[in-house]
Amino acid sequence: MGLDIRIPLGLIFLLIGGLMSAYGFFTRNSAAIYEKSMGINLNLTWGLLMFFFGLVMFLVGRRQKWQDDPVDPRPWEKTNRPKH
């Protein structure tokens, strides 16, 4: 019941991480902006880390919500077998 904080948190990290990694991917050839970070593309690196963290948080939140479904949590485990 209620909102699981992992779902919106995962979506935020997915969005920000995706934007950062896309920016880092498209600017990977311009070495001028990465001189201060010793030539390391921090936008791409941290963007991918944030993206995968957001993906894990979102999937774990969705899995928990699916398992806690009060309507029919596991329909394949029904015991409504025909009686002989």
C-alpha atoms as a PDB file:
ATOM      1  CA  MET A   1       0.000   0.000   0.000  1.00  0.00           C
ATOM      2  CA  GLY A   2       1.195   3.490  -0.691  1.00  0.00           C
ATOM      3  CA  LEU A   3       3.890   4.771  -2.944  1.00  0.00           C
ATOM      4  CA  ASP A   4       7.181   2.930  -3.005  1.00  0.00           C
ATOM      5  CA  ILE A   5       9.946   5.553  -3.049  1.00  0.00           C
ATOM      6  CA  ARG A   6      12.142   3.330  -5.218  1.00  0.00           C
ATOM      7  CA  ILE A   7       9.936   3.818  -8.287  1.00  0.00           C
ATOM      8  CA  PRO A   8      10.115   7.645  -8.600  1.00  0.00           C
ATOM      9  CA  LEU A   9      13.720   7.645  -7.378  1.00  0.00           C
ATOM     10  CA  GLY A  10      14.618   5.106 -10.048  1.00  0.00           C
ATOM     11  CA  LEU A  11      12.873   7.163 -12.720  1.00  0.00           C
ATOM     12  CA  ILE A  12      14.752  10.311 -11.692  1.00  0.00           C
ATOM     13  CA  PHE A  13      18.104   8.520 -11.805  1.00  0.00           C
ATOM     14  CA  LEU A  14      17.193   6.917 -15.134  1.00  0.00           C
ATOM     15  CA  LEU A  15      16.380  10.297 -16.645  1.00  0.00           C
ATOM     16  CA  ILE A  16      19.368  12.228 -15.266  1.00  0.00           C
ATOM     17  CA  GLY A  17      21.781   9.347 -15.917  1.00  0.00           C
ATOM     18  CA  GLY A  18      20.517   8.953 -19.461  1.00  0.00           C
ATOM     19  CA  LEU A  19      20.938  12.652 -20.182  1.00  0.00           C
ATOM     20  CA  MET A  20      24.433  12.759 -18.652  1.00  0.00           C
ATOM     21  CA  SER A  21      25.639   9.678 -20.482  1.00  0.00           C
ATOM     22  CA  ALA A  22      24.208  10.941 -23.786  1.00  0.00           C
ATOM     23  CA  TYR A  23      26.026  14.256 -23.305  1.00  0.00           C
ATOM     24  CA  GLY A  24      29.232  12.433 -22.405  1.00  0.00           C
ATOM     25  CA  PHE A  25      28.883  10.157 -25.412  1.00  0.00           C
ATOM     26  CA  PHE A  26      28.414  13.008 -27.886  1.00  0.00           C
ATOM     27  CA  THR A  27      31.238  15.128 -26.407  1.00  0.00           C
ATOM     28  CA  ARG A  28      33.775  12.314 -25.997  1.00  0.00           C
ATOM     29  CA  ASN A  29      35.968  13.548 -28.857  1.00  0.00           C
ATOM     30  CA  SER A  30      36.403  17.109 -27.584  1.00  0.00           C
ATOM     31  CA  ALA A  31      39.345  16.829 -25.207  1.00  0.00           C
ATOM     32  CA  ALA A  32      39.207  20.502 -24.224  1.00  0.00           C
ATOM     33  CA  ILE A  33      36.340  20.084 -21.792  1.00  0.00           C
ATOM     34  CA  TYR A  34      37.932  17.037 -20.134  1.00  0.00           C
ATOM     35  CA  GLU A  35      41.354  18.580 -19.443  1.00  0.00           C
ATOM     36  CA  LYS A  36      40.452  19.420 -15.843  1.00  0.00           C
ATOM     37  CA  SER A  37      39.496  15.810 -15.127  1.00  0.00           C
ATOM     38  CA  MET A  38      42.770  14.387 -16.504  1.00  0.00           C
ATOM     39  CA  GLY A  39      41.140  13.372 -19.772  1.00  0.00           C
ATOM     40  CA  ILE A  40      38.473  11.203 -18.112  1.00  0.00           C
ATOM     41  CA  ASN A  41      34.964  11.525 -19.494  1.00  0.00           C
ATOM     42  CA  LEU A  42      33.172  11.926 -16.163  1.00  0.00           C
ATOM     43  CA  ASN A  43      29.835  12.715 -17.798  1.00  0.00           C
ATOM     44  CA  LEU A  44      29.746   9.357 -19.537  1.00  0.00           C
ATOM     45  CA  THR A  45      31.095   7.400 -16.560  1.00  0.00           C
ATOM     46  CA  TRP A  46      28.815   8.838 -13.886  1.00  0.00           C
ATOM     47  CA  GLY A  47      25.887   9.024 -16.278  1.00  0.00           C
ATOM     48  CA  LEU A  48      26.098   5.274 -16.889  1.00  0.00           C
ATOM     49  CA  LEU A  49      26.459   4.583 -13.162  1.00  0.00           C
ATOM     50  CA  MET A  50      23.417   6.716 -12.381  1.00  0.00           C
ATOM     51  CA  PHE A  51      21.459   5.080 -15.185  1.00  0.00           C
ATOM     52  CA  PHE A  52      22.154   1.548 -13.943  1.00  0.00           C
ATOM     53  CA  PHE A  53      21.421   2.540 -10.334  1.00  0.00           C
ATOM     54  CA  GLY A  54      18.097   4.015 -11.442  1.00  0.00           C
ATOM     55  CA  LEU A  55      17.311   0.894 -13.439  1.00  0.00           C
ATOM     56  CA  VAL A  56      17.950  -1.348 -10.438  1.00  0.00           C
ATOM     57  CA  MET A  57      15.877   0.854  -8.117  1.00  0.00           C
ATOM     58  CA  PHE A  58      12.990   1.007 -10.575  1.00  0.00           C
ATOM     59  CA  LEU A  59      12.958  -2.745 -11.236  1.00  0.00           C
ATOM     60  CA  VAL A  60      13.186  -3.631  -7.536  1.00  0.00           C
ATOM     61  CA  GLY A  61      10.357  -1.207  -6.762  1.00  0.00           C
ATOM     62  CA  ARG A  62       8.179  -2.643  -9.526  1.00  0.00           C
ATOM     63  CA  ARG A  63       8.930  -6.222  -8.452  1.00  0.00           C
ATOM     64  CA  GLN A  64       7.935  -5.491  -4.869  1.00  0.00           C
ATOM     65  CA  LYS A  65       4.755  -3.765  -6.003  1.00  0.00           C
ATOM     66  CA  TRP A  66       3.901  -6.766  -8.186  1.00  0.00           C
ATOM     67  CA  GLN A  67       4.486  -9.218  -5.324  1.00  0.00           C
ATOM     68  CA  ASP A  68       2.338  -7.181  -2.933  1.00  0.00           C
ATOM     69  CA  ASP A  69      -0.603  -7.072  -5.338  1.00  0.00           C
ATOM     70  CA  PRO A  70      -3.666  -7.807  -3.169  1.00  0.00           C
ATOM     71  CA  VAL A  71      -5.868  -8.751  -6.121  1.00  0.00           C
ATOM     72  CA  ASP A  72      -4.062 -11.775  -7.520  1.00  0.00           C
ATOM     73  CA  PRO A  73      -0.375 -11.917  -6.583  1.00  0.00           C
ATOM     74  CA  ARG A  74       0.434 -15.294  -8.192  1.00  0.00           C
ATOM     75  CA  PRO A  75      -2.284 -16.502 -10.551  1.00  0.00           C
ATOM     76  CA  TRP A  76      -0.317 -19.615 -11.539  1.00  0.00           C
ATOM     77  CA  GLU A  77      -0.465 -20.968  -7.980  1.00  0.00           C
ATOM     78  CA  LYS A  78      -4.238 -21.287  -7.850  1.00  0.00           C
ATOM     79  CA  THR A  79      -5.518 -24.537  -6.516  1.00  0.00           C
ATOM     80  CA  ASN A  80      -8.796 -24.533  -8.442  1.00  0.00           C
ATOM     81  CA  ARG A  81      -8.264 -27.932  -9.982  1.00  0.00           C
ATOM     82  CA  PRO A  82     -11.194 -29.959 -11.244  1.00  0.00           C
ATOM     83  CA  LYS A  83     -12.206 -32.588  -8.719  1.00  0.00           C
ATOM     84  CA  HIS A  84     -12.572 -36.144 -10.008  1.00  0.00           C
END
